[in-house]
Protein backbone atom coordinates (compact mmCIF):
# COMPACT_ATOMS: atom_id res chain seq x y z
CA UNK A 1 85.16 153.86 63.38
CA UNK A 2 83.75 153.82 66.91
CA UNK A 3 81.40 151.08 65.74
CA UNK A 4 84.37 148.84 64.90
CA UNK A 5 85.82 149.24 68.39
CA UNK A 6 82.46 148.62 70.05
CA UNK A 7 81.70 145.53 68.00
CA UNK A 8 85.12 144.03 68.60
CA UNK A 9 84.91 144.69 72.34
CA UNK A 10 81.46 143.12 72.52
CA UNK A 11 82.66 140.07 70.62
CA UNK A 12 85.70 139.38 72.77
CA UNK A 13 83.79 140.03 76.00
CA UNK A 14 81.31 137.39 74.88
CA UNK A 15 84.08 134.92 74.05
CA UNK A 16 85.63 135.34 77.50
CA UNK A 17 82.28 135.12 79.30
CA UNK A 18 81.51 131.89 77.44
CA UNK A 19 84.84 130.38 78.52
CA UNK A 20 86.00 130.08 74.93
CA UNK A 21 88.84 132.52 75.59
CA UNK A 22 90.82 133.21 78.77
CA UNK A 23 92.67 136.38 77.79
CA UNK A 24 92.54 138.09 74.41
CA UNK A 25 93.86 141.21 72.67
CA UNK A 26 92.73 142.52 69.29
CA UNK A 27 93.96 145.40 67.15
CA UNK A 28 93.04 146.51 63.65
CA UNK A 29 94.38 149.24 61.38
CA UNK A 30 92.48 150.53 58.36
CA UNK A 31 94.39 152.69 55.88
CA UNK A 32 97.04 153.43 58.48
CA UNK A 33 94.61 154.37 61.26
CA UNK A 34 94.03 152.34 64.41
CA UNK A 35 90.30 151.51 64.32
CA UNK A 36 90.15 148.83 67.03
CA UNK A 37 92.31 148.21 70.08
CA UNK A 38 90.48 145.98 72.53
CA UNK A 39 91.21 143.43 75.22
CA UNK A 40 89.36 141.21 77.64
CA UNK A 41 89.93 138.49 80.20
CA UNK A 42 92.80 137.49 82.43
CA UNK A 43 96.50 137.80 81.70
CA UNK A 44 97.20 135.58 84.69
CA UNK A 45 94.26 133.45 85.86
CA UNK A 46 96.05 132.49 89.08
CA UNK A 47 96.27 136.08 90.30
CA UNK A 48 93.41 137.67 88.41
CA UNK A 49 95.73 140.14 86.66
CA UNK A 50 93.68 141.39 83.72
CA UNK A 51 94.75 141.77 80.12
CA UNK A 52 95.25 145.39 79.17
CA UNK A 53 96.72 147.27 76.23
CA UNK A 54 100.28 146.82 77.50
CA UNK A 55 100.04 143.06 78.02
CA UNK A 56 102.47 141.01 75.95
CA UNK A 57 101.32 137.64 74.61
CA UNK A 58 103.66 134.95 73.34
CA UNK A 59 102.23 133.89 70.00
CA UNK A 60 104.66 131.22 68.80
CA UNK A 61 104.97 131.23 64.99
CA UNK A 62 103.02 134.44 64.52
CA UNK A 63 106.49 135.81 65.28
CA UNK A 64 107.79 134.42 61.98
CA UNK A 65 106.09 137.32 60.24
CA UNK A 66 108.11 139.71 62.42
CA UNK A 67 111.34 137.84 61.68
CA UNK A 68 110.61 137.91 57.95
CA UNK A 69 109.90 141.64 58.11
CA UNK A 70 113.37 142.29 59.55
CA UNK A 71 114.94 140.35 56.68
CA UNK A 72 112.92 142.33 54.15
CA UNK A 73 114.03 145.69 55.52
CA UNK A 74 117.64 144.57 55.25
CA UNK A 75 117.05 143.32 51.72
CA UNK A 76 115.47 146.65 50.77
CA UNK A 77 118.64 148.38 51.97
CA UNK A 78 120.97 146.03 50.13
CA UNK A 79 122.37 144.40 53.28
CA UNK A 80 120.80 141.06 52.32
CA UNK A 81 119.84 139.62 48.96
CA UNK A 82 117.15 136.99 48.54
CA UNK A 83 119.17 134.93 46.08
CA UNK A 84 122.58 135.09 47.74
CA UNK A 85 123.49 131.82 49.50
CA UNK A 86 123.31 131.92 53.28
CA UNK A 87 126.84 130.52 53.28
CA UNK A 88 128.09 133.83 51.83
CA UNK A 89 127.46 135.28 55.29
CA UNK A 90 127.60 132.03 57.27
CA UNK A 91 130.28 129.77 55.76
CA UNK A 92 129.68 126.86 58.13
CA UNK A 93 126.17 126.48 56.75
CA UNK A 94 127.54 125.15 53.45
CA UNK A 95 128.10 121.69 54.99
CA UNK A 96 126.43 118.64 53.45
CA UNK A 97 125.46 120.22 50.15
CA UNK A 98 123.76 123.34 51.54
CA UNK A 99 126.10 125.78 49.84
CA UNK A 100 123.37 126.92 47.40
CA UNK A 101 120.66 127.51 50.03
CA UNK A 102 119.53 131.12 49.75
CA UNK A 103 117.55 133.51 51.90
CA UNK A 104 114.64 132.95 49.52
CA UNK A 105 114.81 129.23 50.30
CA UNK A 106 114.82 129.94 54.02
CA UNK A 107 111.83 132.29 53.77
CA UNK A 108 109.83 129.81 51.69
CA UNK A 109 110.65 126.83 53.93
CA UNK A 110 112.49 125.11 51.10
CA UNK A 111 115.99 124.99 52.64
CA UNK A 112 115.55 121.29 53.44
CA UNK A 113 116.45 121.44 57.15
CA UNK A 114 113.19 121.56 59.16
CA UNK A 115 114.30 118.79 61.52
CA UNK A 116 115.75 118.85 65.02
CA UNK A 117 117.82 116.11 66.71
CA UNK A 118 115.59 113.47 68.30
CA UNK A 119 116.88 113.98 71.83
CA UNK A 120 116.98 117.76 71.89
CA UNK A 121 115.85 119.47 75.10
CA UNK A 122 114.11 122.77 75.65
CA UNK A 123 117.23 124.07 77.39
CA UNK A 124 119.29 123.50 74.25
CA UNK A 125 116.92 125.72 72.28
CA UNK A 126 118.09 128.70 74.32
CA UNK A 127 121.76 128.35 73.27
CA UNK A 128 122.00 130.45 70.11
CA UNK A 129 125.49 129.47 69.01
CA UNK A 130 124.93 125.77 69.67
CA UNK A 131 121.63 125.70 67.80
CA UNK A 132 123.09 127.55 64.81
CA UNK A 133 125.92 124.99 64.74
CA UNK A 134 123.37 122.17 64.90
CA UNK A 135 121.35 123.57 62.00
CA UNK A 136 124.49 124.27 59.95
CA UNK A 137 125.69 120.72 60.48
CA UNK A 138 122.50 119.00 59.38
CA UNK A 139 122.08 117.13 56.12
CA UNK A 140 119.06 118.40 54.16
CA UNK A 141 116.04 116.09 53.99
CA UNK A 142 115.55 117.05 50.35
CA UNK A 143 117.57 118.88 47.75
CA UNK A 144 117.26 122.53 48.79
CA UNK A 145 114.96 124.54 46.59
CA UNK A 146 113.16 121.53 45.11
CA UNK A 147 110.38 121.24 47.70
CA UNK A 148 108.84 123.11 50.61
CA UNK A 149 108.24 121.87 54.15
CA UNK A 150 107.50 123.96 57.21
CA UNK A 151 110.67 124.79 59.16
CA UNK A 152 108.95 125.15 62.53
CA UNK A 153 111.90 125.93 64.80
CA UNK A 154 114.79 126.13 62.36
CA UNK A 155 113.30 129.06 60.41
CA UNK A 156 114.37 131.32 63.28
CA UNK A 157 118.03 130.30 63.23
CA UNK A 158 118.25 130.27 59.43
CA UNK A 159 117.03 133.85 59.12
CA UNK A 160 118.32 135.11 62.45
CA UNK A 161 121.90 133.92 62.07
CA UNK A 162 122.05 135.24 58.52
CA UNK A 163 120.95 138.63 59.86
CA UNK A 164 123.54 138.47 62.64
CA UNK A 165 126.40 137.52 60.31
CA UNK A 166 125.46 140.22 57.79
CA UNK A 167 124.96 143.06 60.30
CA UNK A 168 126.95 142.16 63.40
CA UNK A 169 123.74 142.62 65.41
CA UNK A 170 121.25 140.10 66.76
CA UNK A 171 117.94 140.01 64.98
CA UNK A 172 116.32 141.40 68.13
CA UNK A 173 118.62 144.42 67.96
CA UNK A 174 117.80 144.99 64.30
CA UNK A 175 114.09 144.62 65.04
CA UNK A 176 114.28 147.23 67.79
CA UNK A 177 116.41 149.70 65.86
CA UNK A 178 114.98 149.37 62.35
CA UNK A 179 111.34 148.32 62.82
CA UNK A 180 109.94 148.65 66.32
CA UNK A 181 111.76 151.89 67.18
CA UNK A 182 110.64 153.88 64.14
CA UNK A 183 107.08 152.63 64.69
CA UNK A 184 107.10 153.62 68.36
CA UNK A 185 106.56 150.07 69.63
CA UNK A 186 110.07 149.17 70.83
CA UNK A 187 108.58 148.27 74.21
CA UNK A 188 105.97 145.88 72.77
CA UNK A 189 107.38 143.96 69.79
CA UNK A 190 109.88 141.27 70.74
CA UNK A 191 111.58 138.14 69.48
CA UNK A 192 113.43 137.98 72.81
CA UNK A 193 111.74 139.52 75.85
CA UNK A 194 113.95 141.81 77.95
CA UNK A 195 114.03 141.09 81.67
CA UNK A 196 112.22 144.32 82.52
CA UNK A 197 109.30 143.44 80.25
CA UNK A 198 108.69 139.93 81.64
CA UNK A 199 106.11 141.10 84.23
CA UNK A 200 103.90 142.28 81.35
CA UNK A 201 103.83 138.86 79.64
CA UNK A 202 100.55 136.96 79.92
CA UNK A 203 100.45 133.39 81.21
CA UNK A 204 99.41 130.99 78.48
CA UNK A 205 96.75 128.41 79.27
CA UNK A 206 96.28 125.01 77.65
CA UNK A 207 92.92 124.64 75.98
CA UNK A 208 93.01 121.54 73.81
CA UNK A 209 96.23 122.38 71.94
CA UNK A 210 98.59 119.94 73.63
CA UNK A 211 95.98 117.18 73.52
CA UNK A 212 95.31 117.97 69.86
CA UNK A 213 99.01 117.55 69.06
CA UNK A 214 99.17 114.31 71.05
CA UNK A 215 96.21 112.91 69.12
CA UNK A 216 97.97 113.32 65.78
CA UNK A 217 99.81 110.27 64.37
CA UNK A 218 103.27 110.65 65.84
CA UNK A 219 104.90 109.38 62.65
CA UNK A 220 103.73 112.43 60.68
CA UNK A 221 106.65 114.24 59.01
CA UNK A 222 105.60 117.32 60.99
CA UNK A 223 107.07 115.77 64.12
CA UNK A 224 110.55 115.83 62.60
CA UNK A 225 110.52 119.47 63.74
CA UNK A 226 108.97 118.60 67.14
CA UNK A 227 110.84 115.36 67.82
CA UNK A 228 109.95 115.03 71.49
CA UNK A 229 107.42 116.42 73.92
CA UNK A 230 109.99 118.72 75.56
CA UNK A 231 110.11 120.97 72.51
CA UNK A 232 106.42 120.90 71.62
CA UNK A 233 104.89 124.36 71.36
CA UNK A 234 102.92 124.16 74.59
CA UNK A 235 101.79 126.68 77.18
CA UNK A 236 104.17 125.12 79.70
CA UNK A 237 107.19 125.80 77.48
CA UNK A 238 106.24 129.38 76.61
CA UNK A 239 105.54 130.28 80.24
CA UNK A 240 109.17 129.71 81.25
CA UNK A 241 111.06 132.98 81.78
CA UNK A 242 114.23 131.47 80.28
CA UNK A 243 112.31 130.58 77.12
CA UNK A 244 110.84 134.07 76.80
CA UNK A 245 114.25 135.70 77.30
CA UNK A 246 115.97 133.47 74.74
CA UNK A 247 116.64 134.61 71.18
CA UNK A 248 114.16 132.33 69.39
CA UNK A 249 112.96 134.15 66.25
CA UNK A 250 110.78 131.27 65.12
CA UNK A 251 108.29 132.80 67.58
CA UNK A 252 107.51 136.16 69.07
CA UNK A 253 106.02 137.99 72.05
CA UNK A 254 104.17 141.23 71.51
CA UNK A 255 100.97 143.19 71.96
CA UNK A 256 98.27 143.03 69.33
CA UNK A 257 98.51 146.76 68.68
CA UNK A 258 102.28 146.56 68.11
CA UNK A 259 102.26 143.71 65.61
CA UNK A 260 99.19 145.05 63.80
CA UNK A 261 101.00 148.40 63.50
CA UNK A 262 103.96 146.61 61.90
CA UNK A 263 101.71 144.98 59.30
CA UNK A 264 99.92 148.28 58.68
CA UNK A 265 103.28 149.91 57.97
CA UNK A 266 104.09 147.18 55.45
CA UNK A 267 101.06 148.05 53.32
CA UNK A 268 100.83 151.80 53.89
CA UNK A 269 101.98 154.76 55.93
CA UNK A 270 101.42 154.84 59.69
CA UNK A 271 102.09 158.19 61.32
CA UNK A 272 104.65 159.02 58.65
CA UNK A 273 106.39 155.62 58.67
CA UNK A 274 106.26 153.08 55.86
CA UNK A 275 108.57 150.09 56.20
CA UNK A 276 108.80 149.04 52.54
CA UNK A 277 107.94 150.52 49.18
CA UNK A 278 104.67 149.34 47.62
CA UNK A 279 106.67 147.48 44.97
CA UNK A 280 108.77 145.65 47.54
CA UNK A 281 105.73 144.72 49.61
CA UNK A 282 104.06 143.33 46.50
CA UNK A 283 107.09 141.12 45.87
CA UNK A 284 107.24 139.65 49.36
CA UNK A 285 103.49 139.03 49.44
CA UNK A 286 103.35 137.42 45.98
CA UNK A 287 102.79 133.68 45.75
CA UNK A 288 106.17 131.95 46.01
CA UNK A 289 104.83 128.40 46.29
CA UNK A 290 101.59 126.57 46.87
CA UNK A 291 103.12 123.11 46.51
CA UNK A 292 102.31 120.36 48.97
CA UNK A 293 104.15 121.12 52.19
CA UNK A 294 106.19 118.02 53.04
CA UNK A 295 105.79 118.54 56.79
CA UNK A 296 102.03 119.10 56.76
CA UNK A 297 101.16 116.87 53.80
CA UNK A 298 98.92 119.44 52.13
CA UNK A 299 99.37 122.47 49.86
CA UNK A 300 100.09 125.72 51.69
CA UNK A 301 100.34 129.03 49.87
CA UNK A 302 103.45 130.90 50.95
CA UNK A 303 105.03 134.23 50.13
CA UNK A 304 108.48 135.23 51.37
CA UNK A 305 108.26 134.39 55.06
CA UNK A 306 104.47 134.71 55.30
CA UNK A 307 101.50 132.43 54.73
CA UNK A 308 98.97 133.59 52.14
CA UNK A 309 95.22 133.15 52.10
CA UNK A 310 94.84 132.50 55.83
CA UNK A 311 91.20 131.76 56.78
CA UNK A 312 91.11 134.70 59.20
CA UNK A 313 91.96 137.01 56.29
CA UNK A 314 88.94 135.79 54.39
CA UNK A 315 91.09 133.33 52.45
CA UNK A 316 92.43 136.05 50.17
CA UNK A 317 95.65 135.09 48.40
CA UNK A 318 96.52 138.80 48.40
CA UNK A 319 96.59 138.82 52.22
CA UNK A 320 99.78 137.80 54.01
CA UNK A 321 100.76 137.08 57.59
CA UNK A 322 101.37 134.26 60.01
CA UNK A 323 99.51 132.26 62.62
CA UNK A 324 101.01 130.57 65.64
CA UNK A 325 100.62 127.35 67.59
CA UNK A 326 97.45 127.57 69.61
CA UNK A 327 95.70 130.07 67.37
CA UNK A 328 97.08 133.62 67.59
CA UNK A 329 97.40 135.39 64.24
CA UNK A 330 98.52 138.64 62.63
CA UNK A 331 98.16 139.61 58.97
CA UNK A 332 97.79 142.36 56.40
CA UNK A 333 95.16 142.59 53.68
CA UNK A 334 96.60 145.15 51.25
CA UNK A 335 93.57 145.00 48.96
CA UNK A 336 91.48 146.59 51.74
CA UNK A 337 94.21 148.53 53.57
CA UNK A 338 93.61 146.33 56.61
CA UNK A 339 96.01 144.97 59.24
CA UNK A 340 94.73 142.75 62.04
CA UNK A 341 96.17 140.96 65.07
CA UNK A 342 94.20 138.59 67.29
CA UNK A 343 96.31 137.26 70.14
CA UNK A 344 94.98 134.95 72.82
CA UNK A 345 96.29 133.13 75.85
CA UNK A 346 94.22 129.96 75.63
CA UNK A 347 95.98 127.61 73.22
CA UNK A 348 93.51 125.71 71.06
CA UNK A 349 93.53 123.66 67.90
CA UNK A 350 91.10 122.10 65.47
CA UNK A 351 87.43 122.85 65.96
CA UNK A 352 88.03 124.56 69.29
CA UNK A 353 90.15 127.29 67.70
CA UNK A 354 87.33 129.49 66.45
CA UNK A 355 87.85 132.69 68.47
CA UNK A 356 90.35 134.42 66.16
CA UNK A 357 88.19 133.64 63.12
CA UNK A 358 85.10 135.02 64.86
CA UNK A 359 86.90 138.24 65.74
CA UNK A 360 88.42 138.70 62.28
CA UNK A 361 85.03 138.15 60.68
CA UNK A 362 83.50 140.77 62.98
CA UNK A 363 86.17 143.31 62.05
CA UNK A 364 85.53 142.81 58.33
CA UNK A 365 81.78 143.04 58.83
CA UNK A 366 82.11 146.24 60.86
CA UNK A 367 84.22 147.77 58.08
CA UNK A 368 81.85 146.64 55.37
CA UNK A 369 84.39 144.29 53.76
CA UNK A 370 82.33 141.59 52.11
CA UNK A 371 84.49 140.29 49.29
């Protein structure tokens, strides 16, 4: 396995030297064993602080896979049920015909409430109770359960508040106690970054991501979930300490080794810990919908809280995970016993976002995975 580590390190060093990446972390598990844990570049270009194995990188929606994992552990223990209405735990959510919206609908982005108020500010995002009240009070854009459309920000409150109502604990507490703690990564897998961990967080850098968003037609349905520039998923937003500290489980901040370890423990045993039974993992990773996503305007294969067939996974429908704004990604490929995380600080989109794909391809090649 030393060859895997060496090839990954060589690849990311080259990406940084070429200016394609600023700071990058990569981790890969094969059959429950860590086979690559590499990093390169700057965590803070202004000071020269380097990325290391303890650096935390905010990865926007790659955190949705972490949020979904918390929900699945609670479902496996009977605390939550996929087909019980959210309003069973959260009565206020039943407003405007949402009384039949279930956890399954939330996880498959079919709850019908992806939108945010037009004038919302970044500061409002940090107020958990106010945002949950806002989401609960919204009228669905479509009849819940009849269509799917990416719930960019609202996914976090839908799942997170359901977890809080059902357990009496925030989703960050449940993550720490039920997932990160048992896996030994309680200091590196966060939906809300504790004050003491903020110095370890890398500074995000705009590549072309913000410009790429601005170049899109602003009347796309997608912008119902990003209704003004203040809540766009930019480097500037994610670099604010108050944003990082806030409970915002639509995104996450972690190290590559921590989130890859979580995915490895979903598909196998890691140092004696397996998060879900093989049967339960198969259910959450099965195709739930590949209908046209009403926010993106194209079909997207989704499982329960994860995207399926991501390009970085080789396009395999059996692989599940989540990418984030600007290009970071984490996923599991159960067919090959593989879990991978590629986190980077330079936010890029479109044709400029090739680094994670390059690294994932190198990992598969080093492991001899060709099909």
